[in-house]
PDB file of all heavy atoms in Angstrom:
ATOM      1  N   ILE A   1     214.932 -10.066 109.071  1.00  0.00           N
ATOM      2  CA  ILE A   1     214.666 -10.115 110.509  1.00  0.00           C
ATOM      3  C   ILE A   1     213.625  -9.077 110.909  1.00  0.00           C
ATOM      4  O   ILE A   1     212.746  -9.337 111.742  1.00  0.00           O
ATOM      5  CB  ILE A   1     215.974  -9.904 111.302  1.00  0.00           C
ATOM      6  CG1 ILE A   1     216.910 -11.105 111.078  1.00  0.00           C
ATOM      7  CG2 ILE A   1     215.692  -9.716 112.780  1.00  0.00           C
ATOM      8  CD1 ILE A   1     218.295 -10.926 111.697  1.00  0.00           C
ATOM      9  N   LYS A   2     213.710  -7.889 110.320  1.00  0.00           N
ATOM     10  CA  LYS A   2     212.733  -6.836 110.618  1.00  0.00           C
ATOM     11  C   LYS A   2     211.348  -7.215 110.091  1.00  0.00           C
ATOM     12  O   LYS A   2     210.340  -7.089 110.793  1.00  0.00           O
ATOM     13  CB  LYS A   2     213.169  -5.511 109.986  1.00  0.00           C
ATOM     14  CG  LYS A   2     214.391  -4.863 110.610  1.00  0.00           C
ATOM     15  CD  LYS A   2     214.030  -4.170 111.908  1.00  0.00           C
ATOM     16  CE  LYS A   2     215.209  -3.339 112.408  1.00  0.00           C
ATOM     17  NZ  LYS A   2     214.902  -2.694 113.699  1.00  0.00           N
ATOM     18  N   ALA A   3     211.307  -7.667 108.841  1.00  0.00           N
ATOM     19  CA  ALA A   3     210.029  -7.959 108.192  1.00  0.00           C
ATOM     20  C   ALA A   3     209.368  -9.216 108.751  1.00  0.00           C
ATOM     21  O   ALA A   3     208.143  -9.292 108.866  1.00  0.00           O
ATOM     22  CB  ALA A   3     210.231  -8.105 106.683  1.00  0.00           C
ATOM     23  N   TYR A   4     210.191 -10.200 109.127  1.00  0.00           N
ATOM     24  CA  TYR A   4     209.661 -11.481 109.600  1.00  0.00           C
ATOM     25  C   TYR A   4     210.357 -11.856 110.913  1.00  0.00           C
ATOM     26  O   TYR A   4     211.251 -12.711 110.937  1.00  0.00           O
ATOM     27  CB  TYR A   4     209.892 -12.567 108.545  1.00  0.00           C
ATOM     28  CG  TYR A   4     209.426 -12.170 107.162  1.00  0.00           C
ATOM     29  CD1 TYR A   4     210.357 -11.906 106.147  1.00  0.00           C
ATOM     30  CD2 TYR A   4     208.081 -12.026 106.864  1.00  0.00           C
ATOM     31  CE1 TYR A   4     209.941 -11.533 104.881  1.00  0.00           C
ATOM     32  CE2 TYR A   4     207.656 -11.648 105.600  1.00  0.00           C
ATOM     33  CZ  TYR A   4     208.593 -11.397 104.614  1.00  0.00           C
ATOM     34  OH  TYR A   4     208.177 -11.023 103.359  1.00  0.00           O
ATOM     35  N   PRO A   5     209.977 -11.225 112.010  1.00  0.00           N
ATOM     36  CA  PRO A   5     210.664 -11.461 113.289  1.00  0.00           C
ATOM     37  C   PRO A   5     210.506 -12.878 113.825  1.00  0.00           C
ATOM     38  O   PRO A   5     211.354 -13.346 114.580  1.00  0.00           O
ATOM     39  CB  PRO A   5     210.030 -10.422 114.230  1.00  0.00           C
ATOM     40  CG  PRO A   5     208.726 -10.063 113.600  1.00  0.00           C
ATOM     41  CD  PRO A   5     208.932 -10.182 112.128  1.00  0.00           C
ATOM     42  N   ASN A   6     209.413 -13.550 113.432  1.00  0.00           N
ATOM     43  CA  ASN A   6     209.228 -14.935 113.866  1.00  0.00           C
ATOM     44  C   ASN A   6     210.101 -15.853 113.016  1.00  0.00           C
ATOM     45  O   ASN A   6     209.907 -15.941 111.797  1.00  0.00           O
ATOM     46  CB  ASN A   6     207.753 -15.338 113.744  1.00  0.00           C
ATOM     47  CG  ASN A   6     207.496 -16.737 114.261  1.00  0.00           C
ATOM     48  OD1 ASN A   6     207.932 -17.719 113.671  1.00  0.00           O
ATOM     49  ND2 ASN A   6     206.748 -16.842 115.342  1.00  0.00           N
ATOM     50  N   PRO A   7     211.068 -16.557 113.621  1.00  0.00           N
ATOM     51  CA  PRO A   7     212.008 -17.382 112.846  1.00  0.00           C
ATOM     52  C   PRO A   7     211.329 -18.457 112.002  1.00  0.00           C
ATOM     53  O   PRO A   7     211.736 -18.706 110.863  1.00  0.00           O
ATOM     54  CB  PRO A   7     212.897 -18.009 113.927  1.00  0.00           C
ATOM     55  CG  PRO A   7     212.783 -17.103 115.100  1.00  0.00           C
ATOM     56  CD  PRO A   7     211.393 -16.567 115.061  1.00  0.00           C
ATOM     57  N   ASP A   8     210.280 -19.079 112.547  1.00  0.00           N
ATOM     58  CA  ASP A   8     209.595 -20.139 111.807  1.00  0.00           C
ATOM     59  C   ASP A   8     208.886 -19.575 110.574  1.00  0.00           C
ATOM     60  O   ASP A   8     208.944 -20.163 109.491  1.00  0.00           O
ATOM     61  CB  ASP A   8     208.572 -20.844 112.715  1.00  0.00           C
ATOM     62  CG  ASP A   8     209.243 -21.624 113.846  1.00  0.00           C
ATOM     63  OD1 ASP A   8     210.394 -22.038 113.654  1.00  0.00           O
ATOM     64  OD2 ASP A   8     208.607 -21.805 114.900  1.00  0.00           O
ATOM     65  N   TYR A   9     208.214 -18.431 110.774  1.00  0.00           N
ATOM     66  CA  TYR A   9     207.525 -17.822 109.637  1.00  0.00           C
ATOM     67  C   TYR A   9     208.527 -17.309 108.609  1.00  0.00           C
ATOM     68  O   TYR A   9     208.307 -17.414 107.399  1.00  0.00           O
ATOM     69  CB  TYR A   9     206.625 -16.674 110.115  1.00  0.00           C
ATOM     70  CG  TYR A   9     205.776 -16.076 109.008  1.00  0.00           C
ATOM     71  CD1 TYR A   9     204.815 -16.839 108.349  1.00  0.00           C
ATOM     72  CD2 TYR A   9     205.942 -14.747 108.618  1.00  0.00           C
ATOM     73  CE1 TYR A   9     204.042 -16.294 107.338  1.00  0.00           C
ATOM     74  CE2 TYR A   9     205.178 -14.199 107.605  1.00  0.00           C
ATOM     75  CZ  TYR A   9     204.218 -14.977 106.972  1.00  0.00           C
ATOM     76  OH  TYR A   9     203.460 -14.452 105.954  1.00  0.00           O
ATOM     77  N   ARG A  10     209.648 -16.760 109.101  1.00  0.00           N
ATOM     78  CA  ARG A  10     210.694 -16.269 108.192  1.00  0.00           C
ATOM     79  C   ARG A  10     211.214 -17.410 107.319  1.00  0.00           C
ATOM     80  O   ARG A  10     211.376 -17.265 106.107  1.00  0.00           O
ATOM     81  CB  ARG A  10     211.835 -15.673 109.006  1.00  0.00           C
ATOM     82  CG  ARG A  10     212.894 -14.945 108.158  1.00  0.00           C
ATOM     83  CD  ARG A  10     214.111 -14.593 109.012  1.00  0.00           C
ATOM     84  NE  ARG A  10     213.692 -14.008 110.273  1.00  0.00           N
ATOM     85  CZ  ARG A  10     214.306 -14.214 111.433  1.00  0.00           C
ATOM     86  NH1 ARG A  10     215.386 -14.988 111.482  1.00  0.00           N
ATOM     87  NH2 ARG A  10     213.875 -13.647 112.542  1.00  0.00           N
ATOM     88  N   GLU A  11     211.443 -18.571 107.929  1.00  0.00           N
ATOM     89  CA  GLU A  11     211.946 -19.719 107.177  1.00  0.00           C
ATOM     90  C   GLU A  11     210.921 -20.178 106.130  1.00  0.00           C
ATOM     91  O   GLU A  11     211.279 -20.510 104.996  1.00  0.00           O
ATOM     92  CB  GLU A  11     212.258 -20.864 108.143  1.00  0.00           C
ATOM     93  CG  GLU A  11     212.857 -22.096 107.472  1.00  0.00           C
ATOM     94  CD  GLU A  11     213.196 -23.186 108.470  1.00  0.00           C
ATOM     95  OE1 GLU A  11     213.131 -22.927 109.693  1.00  0.00           O
ATOM     96  OE2 GLU A  11     213.516 -24.298 108.032  1.00  0.00           O
ATOM     97  N   LYS A  12     209.656 -20.136 106.525  1.00  0.00           N
ATOM     98  CA  LYS A  12     208.599 -20.526 105.598  1.00  0.00           C
ATOM     99  C   LYS A  12     208.535 -19.572 104.410  1.00  0.00           C
ATOM    100  O   LYS A  12     208.378 -19.992 103.253  1.00  0.00           O
ATOM    101  CB  LYS A  12     207.248 -20.550 106.330  1.00  0.00           C
ATOM    102  CG  LYS A  12     206.086 -20.972 105.464  1.00  0.00           C
ATOM    103  CD  LYS A  12     204.792 -20.960 106.257  1.00  0.00           C
ATOM    104  CE  LYS A  12     203.608 -21.334 105.376  1.00  0.00           C
ATOM    105  NZ  LYS A  12     202.323 -21.287 106.138  1.00  0.00           N
ATOM    106  N   VAL A  13     208.647 -18.262 104.698  1.00  0.00           N
ATOM    107  CA  VAL A  13     208.631 -17.260 103.627  1.00  0.00           C
ATOM    108  C   VAL A  13     209.791 -17.482 102.665  1.00  0.00           C
ATOM    109  O   VAL A  13     209.626 -17.414 101.438  1.00  0.00           O
ATOM    110  CB  VAL A  13     208.670 -15.828 104.215  1.00  0.00           C
ATOM    111  CG1 VAL A  13     208.911 -14.798 103.109  1.00  0.00           C
ATOM    112  CG2 VAL A  13     207.369 -15.510 104.938  1.00  0.00           C
ATOM    113  N   MET A  14     210.968 -17.748 103.206  1.00  0.00           N
ATOM    114  CA  MET A  14     212.139 -17.962 102.364  1.00  0.00           C
ATOM    115  C   MET A  14     211.975 -19.205 101.489  1.00  0.00           C
ATOM    116  O   MET A  14     212.366 -19.212 100.312  1.00  0.00           O
ATOM    117  CB  MET A  14     213.394 -18.089 103.232  1.00  0.00           C
ATOM    118  CG  MET A  14     213.764 -16.809 103.975  1.00  0.00           C
ATOM    119  SD  MET A  14     213.850 -15.364 102.883  1.00  0.00           S
ATOM    120  CE  MET A  14     215.137 -15.858 101.749  1.00  0.00           C
ATOM    121  N   GLU A  15     211.384 -20.242 102.052  1.00  0.00           N
ATOM    122  CA  GLU A  15     211.120 -21.447 101.254  1.00  0.00           C
ATOM    123  C   GLU A  15     210.143 -21.133 100.120  1.00  0.00           C
ATOM    124  O   GLU A  15     210.325 -21.592  98.981  1.00  0.00           O
ATOM    125  CB  GLU A  15     210.559 -22.544 102.147  1.00  0.00           C
ATOM    126  CG  GLU A  15     211.567 -23.142 103.122  1.00  0.00           C
ATOM    127  CD  GLU A  15     210.927 -24.148 104.054  1.00  0.00           C
ATOM    128  OE1 GLU A  15     209.691 -24.338 103.962  1.00  0.00           O
ATOM    129  OE2 GLU A  15     211.654 -24.738 104.883  1.00  0.00           O
ATOM    130  N   ASN A  16     209.117 -20.353 100.429  1.00  0.00           N
ATOM    131  CA  ASN A  16     208.135 -19.980  99.410  1.00  0.00           C
ATOM    132  C   ASN A  16     208.768 -19.107  98.323  1.00  0.00           C
ATOM    133  O   ASN A  16     208.429 -19.219  97.138  1.00  0.00           O
ATOM    134  CB  ASN A  16     206.953 -19.249 100.049  1.00  0.00           C
ATOM    135  CG  ASN A  16     206.102 -20.168 100.918  1.00  0.00           C
ATOM    136  OD1 ASN A  16     206.148 -21.397 100.769  1.00  0.00           O
ATOM    137  ND2 ASN A  16     205.328 -19.592 101.819  1.00  0.00           N
ATOM    138  N   TRP A  17     209.719 -18.233  98.747  1.00  0.00           N
ATOM    139  CA  TRP A  17     210.420 -17.394  97.771  1.00  0.00           C
ATOM    140  C   TRP A  17     211.273 -18.257  96.840  1.00  0.00           C
ATOM    141  O   TRP A  17     211.329 -18.025  95.630  1.00  0.00           O
ATOM    142  CB  TRP A  17     211.305 -16.369  98.470  1.00  0.00           C
ATOM    143  CG  TRP A  17     210.688 -15.006  98.603  1.00  0.00           C
ATOM    144  CD1 TRP A  17     210.506 -14.308  99.744  1.00  0.00           C
ATOM    145  CD2 TRP A  17     210.172 -14.190  97.559  1.00  0.00           C
ATOM    146  NE1 TRP A  17     209.896 -13.098  99.481  1.00  0.00           N
ATOM    147  CE2 TRP A  17     209.675 -13.006  98.137  1.00  0.00           C
ATOM    148  CE3 TRP A  17     210.053 -14.347  96.175  1.00  0.00           C
ATOM    149  CZ2 TRP A  17     209.100 -11.984  97.405  1.00  0.00           C
ATOM    150  CZ3 TRP A  17     209.468 -13.328  95.431  1.00  0.00           C
ATOM    151  CH2 TRP A  17     209.002 -12.165  96.045  1.00  0.00           C
ATOM    152  N   ASP A  18     211.932 -19.256  97.394  1.00  0.00           N
ATOM    153  CA  ASP A  18     212.742 -20.161  96.569  1.00  0.00           C
ATOM    154  C   ASP A  18     211.873 -20.885  95.553  1.00  0.00           C
ATOM    155  O   ASP A  18     212.245 -21.033  94.382  1.00  0.00           O
ATOM    156  CB  ASP A  18     213.464 -21.185  97.458  1.00  0.00           C
ATOM    157  CG  ASP A  18     214.572 -20.545  98.296  1.00  0.00           C
ATOM    158  OD1 ASP A  18     215.014 -19.438  97.936  1.00  0.00           O
ATOM    159  OD2 ASP A  18     214.971 -21.150  99.315  1.00  0.00           O
ATOM    160  N   ASP A  19     210.680 -21.319  95.990  1.00  0.00           N
ATOM    161  CA  ASP A  19     209.757 -22.005  95.078  1.00  0.00           C
ATOM    162  C   ASP A  19     209.269 -21.060  93.980  1.00  0.00           C
ATOM    163  O   ASP A  19     209.177 -21.441  92.804  1.00  0.00           O
ATOM    164  CB  ASP A  19     208.556 -22.554  95.858  1.00  0.00           C
ATOM    165  CG  ASP A  19     208.943 -23.686  96.802  1.00  0.00           C
ATOM    166  OD1 ASP A  19     210.018 -24.277  96.590  1.00  0.00           O
ATOM    167  OD2 ASP A  19     208.176 -23.959  97.743  1.00  0.00           O
ATOM    168  N   ALA A  20     208.958 -19.795  94.379  1.00  0.00           N
ATOM    169  CA  ALA A  20     208.472 -18.818  93.410  1.00  0.00           C
ATOM    170  C   ALA A  20     209.557 -18.471  92.397  1.00  0.00           C
ATOM    171  O   ALA A  20     209.293 -18.334  91.196  1.00  0.00           O
ATOM    172  CB  ALA A  20     208.001 -17.551  94.136  1.00  0.00           C
ATOM    173  N   ALA A  21     210.802 -18.348  92.881  1.00  0.00           N
ATOM    174  CA  ALA A  21     211.918 -18.038  91.988  1.00  0.00           C
ATOM    175  C   ALA A  21     212.177 -19.186  91.021  1.00  0.00           C
ATOM    176  O   ALA A  21     212.466 -18.969  89.836  1.00  0.00           O
ATOM    177  CB  ALA A  21     213.169 -17.738  92.818  1.00  0.00           C
ATOM    178  N   ALA A  22     212.071 -20.414  91.525  1.00  0.00           N
ATOM    179  CA  ALA A  22     212.276 -21.590  90.664  1.00  0.00           C
ATOM    180  C   ALA A  22     211.207 -21.658  89.591  1.00  0.00           C
ATOM    181  O   ALA A  22     211.490 -21.952  88.416  1.00  0.00           O
ATOM    182  CB  ALA A  22     212.263 -22.855  91.519  1.00  0.00           C
ATOM    183  N   ALA A  23     209.968 -21.379  89.970  1.00  0.00           N
ATOM    184  CA  ALA A  23     208.869 -21.399  89.006  1.00  0.00           C
ATOM    185  C   ALA A  23     209.060 -20.313  87.951  1.00  0.00           C
ATOM    186  O   ALA A  23     208.796 -20.527  86.755  1.00  0.00           O
ATOM    187  CB  ALA A  23     207.532 -21.214  89.730  1.00  0.00           C
ATOM    188  N   ALA A  24     209.528 -19.132  88.386  1.00  0.00           N
ATOM    189  CA  ALA A  24     209.774 -18.033  87.445  1.00  0.00           C
ATOM    190  C   ALA A  24     210.891 -18.402  86.478  1.00  0.00           C
ATOM    191  O   ALA A  24     210.835 -18.071  85.282  1.00  0.00           O
ATOM    192  CB  ALA A  24     210.112 -16.762  88.207  1.00  0.00           C
TER     193      ALA A  24
END
């Protein structure tokens, strides 16, 4: 919440993290 106060951007970041973790 602190790092990504915009909910839409936060959700996008989390989706990208899931993709990066899956690729790793």
